[in-house]
Protein backbone atom coordinates (compact mmCIF):
# COMPACT_ATOMS: atom_id res chain seq x y z
CA MET A 1 -87.19 -12.25 14.95
CA ALA A 2 -87.98 -11.56 11.31
CA VAL A 3 -91.59 -12.20 10.37
CA LEU A 4 -90.55 -14.37 7.43
CA VAL A 5 -89.00 -16.97 9.73
CA GLU A 6 -91.51 -19.80 9.88
CA THR A 7 -89.64 -22.35 12.01
CA MET A 8 -86.08 -22.77 13.17
CA TYR A 9 -83.81 -23.59 16.06
CA SER A 10 -80.35 -22.45 17.12
CA THR A 11 -77.66 -23.76 19.45
CA ARG A 12 -76.28 -21.92 22.48
CA GLU A 13 -76.66 -18.16 22.11
CA LYS A 14 -78.38 -16.14 19.41
CA PRO A 15 -76.38 -16.82 16.22
CA TRP A 16 -74.37 -14.28 14.25
CA HIS A 17 -76.91 -14.17 11.44
CA GLY A 18 -79.61 -12.82 13.76
CA LEU A 19 -82.11 -15.68 13.47
CA GLY A 20 -82.94 -18.33 15.98
CA THR A 21 -84.23 -19.67 19.25
CA VAL A 22 -81.83 -21.20 21.73
CA VAL A 23 -81.43 -24.93 22.33
CA LYS A 24 -79.06 -26.47 24.87
CA GLU A 25 -76.87 -28.38 22.43
CA ALA A 26 -76.50 -28.90 18.71
CA PRO A 27 -78.67 -31.88 17.73
CA THR A 28 -78.07 -34.70 15.29
CA SER A 29 -79.65 -34.54 11.84
CA GLU A 30 -82.62 -36.62 12.95
CA GLU A 31 -83.24 -34.27 15.87
CA ALA A 32 -82.57 -31.23 13.69
CA LEU A 33 -85.35 -32.15 11.26
CA ARG A 34 -87.81 -32.29 14.10
CA LEU A 35 -86.61 -29.25 16.06
CA ALA A 36 -86.41 -27.06 12.98
CA GLY A 37 -89.87 -28.11 11.80
CA LEU A 38 -88.43 -29.56 8.60
CA ASP A 39 -89.83 -33.08 8.98
CA TRP A 40 -92.08 -32.74 5.93
CA ASN A 41 -91.81 -33.56 2.22
CA VAL A 42 -92.63 -31.79 -1.02
CA VAL A 43 -94.92 -33.58 -3.46
CA GLN A 44 -95.50 -32.49 -7.04
CA GLU A 45 -99.07 -32.41 -8.29
CA PRO A 46 -100.72 -31.43 -11.59
CA ILE A 47 -102.25 -27.99 -12.08
CA TYR A 48 -105.69 -27.40 -13.58
CA THR A 49 -107.53 -24.39 -14.98
CA PRO A 50 -110.83 -23.28 -13.38
CA PHE A 51 -112.45 -25.41 -16.09
CA ARG A 52 -110.60 -28.49 -14.80
CA GLU A 53 -108.31 -28.61 -17.82
CA LYS A 54 -104.82 -29.86 -17.00
CA ILE A 55 -102.00 -27.38 -17.60
CA ASP A 56 -99.18 -29.23 -19.33
CA GLY A 57 -95.54 -28.51 -18.59
CA PHE A 58 -96.01 -27.33 -15.01
CA LYS A 59 -96.58 -28.78 -11.55
CA ALA A 60 -97.30 -27.46 -8.10
CA ASN A 61 -94.86 -28.09 -5.26
CA VAL A 62 -97.05 -28.94 -2.27
CA ARG A 63 -95.99 -29.44 1.35
CA ASP A 64 -97.44 -32.75 2.48
CA SER A 65 -97.85 -31.75 6.15
CA ASP A 66 -100.48 -29.07 5.54
CA ARG A 67 -101.16 -29.13 1.75
CA LYS A 68 -99.66 -25.68 1.35
CA VAL A 69 -98.62 -24.79 -2.22
CA LEU A 70 -95.00 -23.60 -2.08
CA GLY A 71 -94.59 -22.78 -5.76
CA VAL A 72 -95.32 -23.60 -9.38
CA VAL A 73 -92.45 -25.18 -11.32
CA SER A 74 -91.76 -26.76 -14.70
CA ASP A 75 -91.88 -30.49 -15.34
CA ARG A 76 -88.07 -30.53 -15.42
CA TYR A 77 -87.79 -29.33 -11.83
CA LYS A 78 -86.46 -31.97 -9.44
CA VAL A 79 -87.37 -31.74 -5.75
CA VAL A 80 -84.55 -31.96 -3.21
CA GLN A 81 -86.30 -33.06 -0.03
CA ASN A 82 -85.31 -31.66 3.34
CA VAL A 83 -84.12 -35.07 4.48
CA GLU A 84 -81.82 -35.20 1.45
CA ALA A 85 -80.28 -31.91 2.50
CA PHE A 86 -79.42 -33.27 5.91
CA ASN A 87 -78.26 -36.63 4.54
CA PHE A 88 -76.03 -34.71 2.16
CA THR A 89 -74.24 -32.87 4.96
CA ASP A 90 -74.07 -36.02 7.10
CA GLU A 91 -72.23 -37.77 4.30
CA LEU A 92 -70.11 -34.74 3.50
CA LEU A 93 -68.92 -34.05 7.03
CA GLY A 94 -68.84 -37.61 8.31
CA GLN A 95 -70.60 -39.46 11.08
CA GLY A 96 -71.47 -37.45 14.15
CA VAL A 97 -71.84 -34.06 12.47
CA ARG A 98 -73.89 -31.77 14.69
CA TYR A 99 -75.85 -28.86 13.35
CA GLU A 100 -75.94 -25.38 14.84
CA THR A 101 -78.94 -23.77 13.14
CA ALA A 102 -81.61 -24.75 10.66
CA GLY A 103 -84.99 -23.45 9.66
CA SER A 104 -87.71 -22.62 7.21
CA LEU A 105 -88.25 -19.18 5.73
CA SER A 106 -91.13 -17.56 3.85
CA GLY A 107 -93.68 -20.17 4.79
CA GLY A 108 -91.54 -23.13 3.78
CA LYS A 109 -90.48 -21.77 0.39
CA ARG A 110 -86.87 -21.70 1.51
CA VAL A 111 -85.09 -24.05 3.92
CA TRP A 112 -81.57 -23.90 5.24
CA LEU A 113 -79.16 -25.49 7.66
CA LEU A 114 -75.81 -24.54 9.08
CA ALA A 115 -73.15 -26.86 10.48
CA ARG A 116 -69.79 -26.03 11.98
CA LEU A 117 -66.99 -27.78 10.13
CA PRO A 118 -64.92 -29.97 12.46
CA ARG A 119 -61.59 -28.19 11.97
CA GLU A 120 -60.80 -24.81 13.49
CA TYR A 121 -58.08 -22.66 11.93
CA ILE A 122 -55.56 -20.31 13.49
CA ILE A 123 -55.14 -17.58 10.89
CA ALA A 124 -53.08 -14.45 11.49
CA GLY A 125 -52.92 -15.50 15.14
CA GLU A 126 -56.72 -15.67 15.51
CA ARG A 127 -59.28 -18.48 15.72
CA ILE A 128 -61.38 -18.79 12.56
CA SER A 129 -64.20 -21.35 12.44
CA PRO A 130 -65.51 -22.40 9.02
CA TYR A 131 -69.23 -23.17 8.72
CA LEU A 132 -71.12 -25.06 6.06
CA VAL A 133 -74.32 -23.32 4.95
CA PHE A 134 -76.87 -25.18 2.84
CA SER A 135 -79.84 -23.34 1.35
CA ASN A 136 -82.64 -24.70 -0.80
CA THR A 137 -85.86 -23.37 -2.28
CA HIS A 138 -89.11 -25.23 -2.91
CA ASP A 139 -90.85 -22.50 -4.93
CA GLY A 140 -88.64 -22.56 -8.04
CA SER A 141 -87.14 -19.15 -7.28
CA GLY A 142 -83.56 -20.24 -6.80
CA SER A 143 -80.99 -22.97 -6.91
CA VAL A 144 -79.59 -25.24 -4.26
CA LYS A 145 -76.65 -23.38 -2.74
CA VAL A 146 -73.86 -24.62 -0.53
CA ALA A 147 -71.11 -22.37 0.82
CA VAL A 148 -68.29 -22.23 3.33
CA THR A 149 -68.52 -19.20 5.61
CA PRO A 150 -65.54 -18.47 7.89
CA VAL A 151 -66.40 -16.75 11.18
CA ARG A 152 -63.89 -14.92 13.39
CA VAL A 153 -64.55 -16.54 16.76
CA VAL A 154 -63.68 -13.61 19.02
CA CYS A 155 -66.41 -11.37 17.59
CA ASN A 156 -68.63 -13.59 15.38
CA ASN A 157 -67.79 -11.56 12.27
CA THR A 158 -68.24 -13.34 8.95
CA LEU A 159 -65.17 -13.23 6.70
CA ASN A 160 -66.47 -14.79 3.50
CA LEU A 161 -64.24 -12.84 1.10
CA ALA A 162 -64.64 -13.38 -2.63
CA LEU A 163 -61.15 -14.65 -3.46
CA ASP A 164 -59.95 -14.90 -7.05
CA THR A 165 -57.82 -17.90 -6.16
CA ALA A 166 -60.26 -20.23 -4.40
CA GLN A 167 -63.95 -21.09 -4.68
CA ARG A 168 -66.08 -21.10 -1.53
CA SER A 169 -69.59 -21.81 -2.85
CA PHE A 170 -71.48 -24.10 -5.18
CA SER A 171 -74.97 -23.93 -6.66
CA MET A 172 -77.06 -26.31 -8.72
CA ILE A 173 -80.37 -25.88 -10.48
CA HIS A 174 -83.33 -28.21 -9.89
CA THR A 175 -83.05 -30.07 -13.18
CA GLY A 176 -81.26 -33.20 -14.33
CA LYS A 177 -80.01 -35.89 -11.96
CA ILE A 178 -79.87 -34.34 -8.51
CA ALA A 179 -77.75 -37.20 -7.13
CA ASP A 180 -75.04 -36.44 -9.68
CA LYS A 181 -75.11 -32.75 -8.84
CA ILE A 182 -74.84 -33.44 -5.13
CA GLN A 183 -71.68 -35.38 -5.94
CA GLU A 184 -70.43 -32.29 -7.77
CA ALA A 185 -71.25 -30.17 -4.74
CA ARG A 186 -69.43 -32.63 -2.50
CA ASP A 187 -66.36 -32.42 -4.71
CA THR A 188 -66.51 -28.64 -4.60
CA LEU A 189 -66.86 -28.51 -0.84
CA PHE A 190 -63.83 -30.69 -0.40
CA MET A 191 -62.08 -27.55 -1.62
CA ALA A 192 -63.08 -25.84 1.64
CA GLU A 193 -59.63 -26.52 3.06
CA ARG A 194 -58.06 -24.97 -0.03
CA TYR A 195 -60.24 -21.90 0.40
CA MET A 196 -59.28 -21.59 4.05
CA ASP A 197 -55.59 -21.97 3.19
CA HIS A 198 -55.84 -19.22 0.58
CA LEU A 199 -57.82 -17.07 3.00
CA GLY A 200 -55.08 -17.49 5.58
CA GLY A 201 -52.46 -16.33 3.11
CA GLU A 202 -54.61 -13.35 2.15
CA PHE A 203 -55.09 -12.36 5.80
CA GLU A 204 -51.33 -12.38 6.32
CA GLU A 205 -50.94 -10.05 3.33
CA LEU A 206 -53.64 -7.75 4.67
CA ARG A 207 -51.94 -7.62 8.06
CA ARG A 208 -48.72 -6.47 6.42
CA GLN A 209 -50.51 -3.76 4.44
CA LYS A 210 -50.40 -0.57 6.48
CA VAL A 211 -53.41 1.78 6.36
CA THR A 212 -53.28 5.47 7.29
CA ASP A 213 -56.08 7.41 8.97
CA GLU A 214 -56.57 9.32 5.71
CA GLN A 215 -57.03 6.06 3.81
CA VAL A 216 -59.55 4.85 6.39
CA ARG A 217 -61.55 8.04 5.89
CA GLU A 218 -61.40 7.71 2.09
CA TYR A 219 -62.41 4.04 2.16
CA ILE A 220 -65.37 4.77 4.42
CA GLU A 221 -66.57 7.58 2.15
CA LEU A 222 -66.33 5.28 -0.87
CA LEU A 223 -68.21 2.50 0.91
CA LEU A 224 -70.89 4.87 2.22
CA PRO A 225 -71.11 7.59 -0.42
CA MET A 226 -73.05 10.83 -0.09
CA GLU A 227 -75.28 10.99 -3.13
CA LYS A 228 -76.04 14.24 -4.90
CA ASN A 229 -79.19 16.17 -3.98
CA THR A 230 -79.57 14.38 -0.65
CA THR A 231 -81.93 15.79 1.92
CA ARG A 232 -80.66 17.01 5.27
CA THR A 233 -82.05 13.89 6.93
CA GLN A 234 -80.34 11.61 4.39
CA GLU A 235 -77.07 13.45 4.89
CA LYS A 236 -77.30 13.00 8.67
CA ASN A 237 -78.03 9.32 8.21
CA VAL A 238 -74.98 8.75 6.00
CA LEU A 239 -72.76 10.66 8.42
CA ARG A 240 -74.09 8.54 11.29
CA LEU A 241 -73.29 5.33 9.40
CA ARG A 242 -69.80 6.58 8.58
CA GLU A 243 -69.20 7.41 12.22
CA ASP A 244 -70.40 3.98 13.25
CA LEU A 245 -68.01 2.26 10.84
CA ALA A 246 -65.09 4.45 11.93
CA LYS A 247 -65.74 3.59 15.59
CA ARG A 248 -65.64 -0.09 14.77
CA TYR A 249 -62.19 0.41 13.24
CA TYR A 250 -60.73 2.59 15.97
CA GLU A 251 -62.55 1.47 19.12
CA ALA A 252 -63.44 -2.23 18.81
CA PRO A 253 -61.62 -3.94 21.74
CA ASP A 254 -60.77 -7.03 19.70
CA LEU A 255 -59.04 -4.93 17.00
CA LYS A 256 -56.95 -2.55 19.11
CA LYS A 257 -53.93 -4.87 19.13
CA VAL A 258 -54.20 -5.80 15.46
CA GLY A 259 -52.43 -2.67 14.22
CA ASN A 260 -53.41 -0.06 11.65
CA ASN A 261 -53.62 -2.30 8.64
CA ALA A 262 -55.95 -3.58 5.94
CA TYR A 263 -56.87 -6.69 7.95
CA ARG A 264 -58.18 -4.47 10.73
CA PHE A 265 -60.20 -2.43 8.25
CA ILE A 266 -61.77 -5.52 6.65
CA ASN A 267 -62.78 -6.78 10.09
CA ALA A 268 -64.28 -3.41 10.99
CA VAL A 269 -66.33 -3.48 7.79
CA SER A 270 -67.38 -7.07 8.50
CA ASP A 271 -68.44 -6.06 12.02
CA PHE A 272 -70.43 -3.16 10.57
CA ALA A 273 -72.03 -5.30 7.85
CA THR A 274 -72.86 -8.15 10.23
CA HIS A 275 -73.96 -6.34 13.37
CA ALA A 276 -74.78 -2.66 12.70
CA ASP A 277 -78.38 -1.52 13.06
CA PRO A 278 -79.78 -0.45 9.67
CA LEU A 279 -81.36 2.93 9.08
CA ARG A 280 -84.62 1.12 8.41
CA ARG A 281 -85.23 -2.46 9.52
CA THR A 282 -87.43 -4.13 6.92
CA ALA A 283 -89.52 -7.23 7.57
CA ASN A 284 -87.00 -9.43 5.74
CA TYR A 285 -83.86 -7.71 7.07
CA ASN A 286 -82.59 -10.75 8.99
CA GLU A 287 -83.33 -13.06 6.10
CA ASN A 288 -81.31 -10.84 3.75
CA LEU A 289 -78.47 -10.70 6.27
CA PHE A 290 -78.41 -14.48 6.48
CA SER A 291 -78.49 -14.76 2.67
CA ARG A 292 -75.24 -12.83 2.53
CA THR A 293 -73.52 -15.60 4.44
CA ILE A 294 -74.11 -17.73 1.35
CA ASP A 295 -73.91 -15.28 -1.52
CA GLY A 296 -71.27 -13.00 0.00
CA ASN A 297 -71.67 -9.52 1.42
CA PRO A 298 -71.24 -6.77 -1.23
CA LEU A 299 -70.00 -4.25 1.32
CA ILE A 300 -67.25 -6.55 2.62
CA ASP A 301 -66.25 -7.52 -0.91
CA LYS A 302 -66.07 -3.86 -1.97
CA ALA A 303 -63.89 -3.03 1.05
CA TYR A 304 -61.62 -5.95 0.16
CA GLN A 305 -61.30 -4.68 -3.41
CA LEU A 306 -60.49 -1.16 -2.22
CA VAL A 307 -57.60 -2.26 -0.03
CA LYS A 308 -56.36 -4.69 -2.70
CA GLU A 309 -56.26 -1.92 -5.29
CA ALA A 310 -54.30 0.27 -2.88
CA ALA A 311 -51.74 -2.43 -2.09
């Protein structure tokens, strides 16, 4: 588990984003707050110089459970409490929503939750489950972010493509009336079905787009380029990564019946981006991997653009 994970829980097996401890069933929001260690609030307090002079225009965000300072923010910053995050998704998804993972990262500076949306889709003949991911920061470093992340059930690959035709995420800064912005986010997330419909149409197009072995090789080289003046070790590493990606295209059991097409290639890249071991596993590797479920994965998006340009 990544060292930056402070607290969290996960349902069933280890989740696709690599973070979590197993619980027997997905809890309700009240249980989730407790199990994920998120049953605390953020209070804003004044900041003083060493000479006990108050610093105007700024406040400290302090966790009330242990008095830990999570960040320094401007007076305009509005706190979104953890309980508000869960109430937001309860209201959005309806009564009885059950969460799959939630947790606190970087000592409480960032909190997140993930819930499986109630509807499952059959797209291109395969089961695709959309998830709602909610991420929030308490240190002033980022905005509140909410996103829909589709996951291919058979292999737990994320398929959060950046479509030009449908929005899948929403963010809001910690200023102004938070209640109004949560309404905006709710309105945006009601477009989740539209995104999934557009994604389904795109997958059908990708399935019809044939891909040759030569194109697969070219795409892989573009996605994992060999830079100039590389050392022998760096060259071997790049070649190893290319081989890994190629194997996921040609040898993955769940893709063998898909056909040689762009949809298969996108799934191979998703499998590689989601599950491949990195050349060097940094302390925040899993946190970065999870962040890409919200912000989108650049490697998957680049692969998508490559096959679209070739269509």
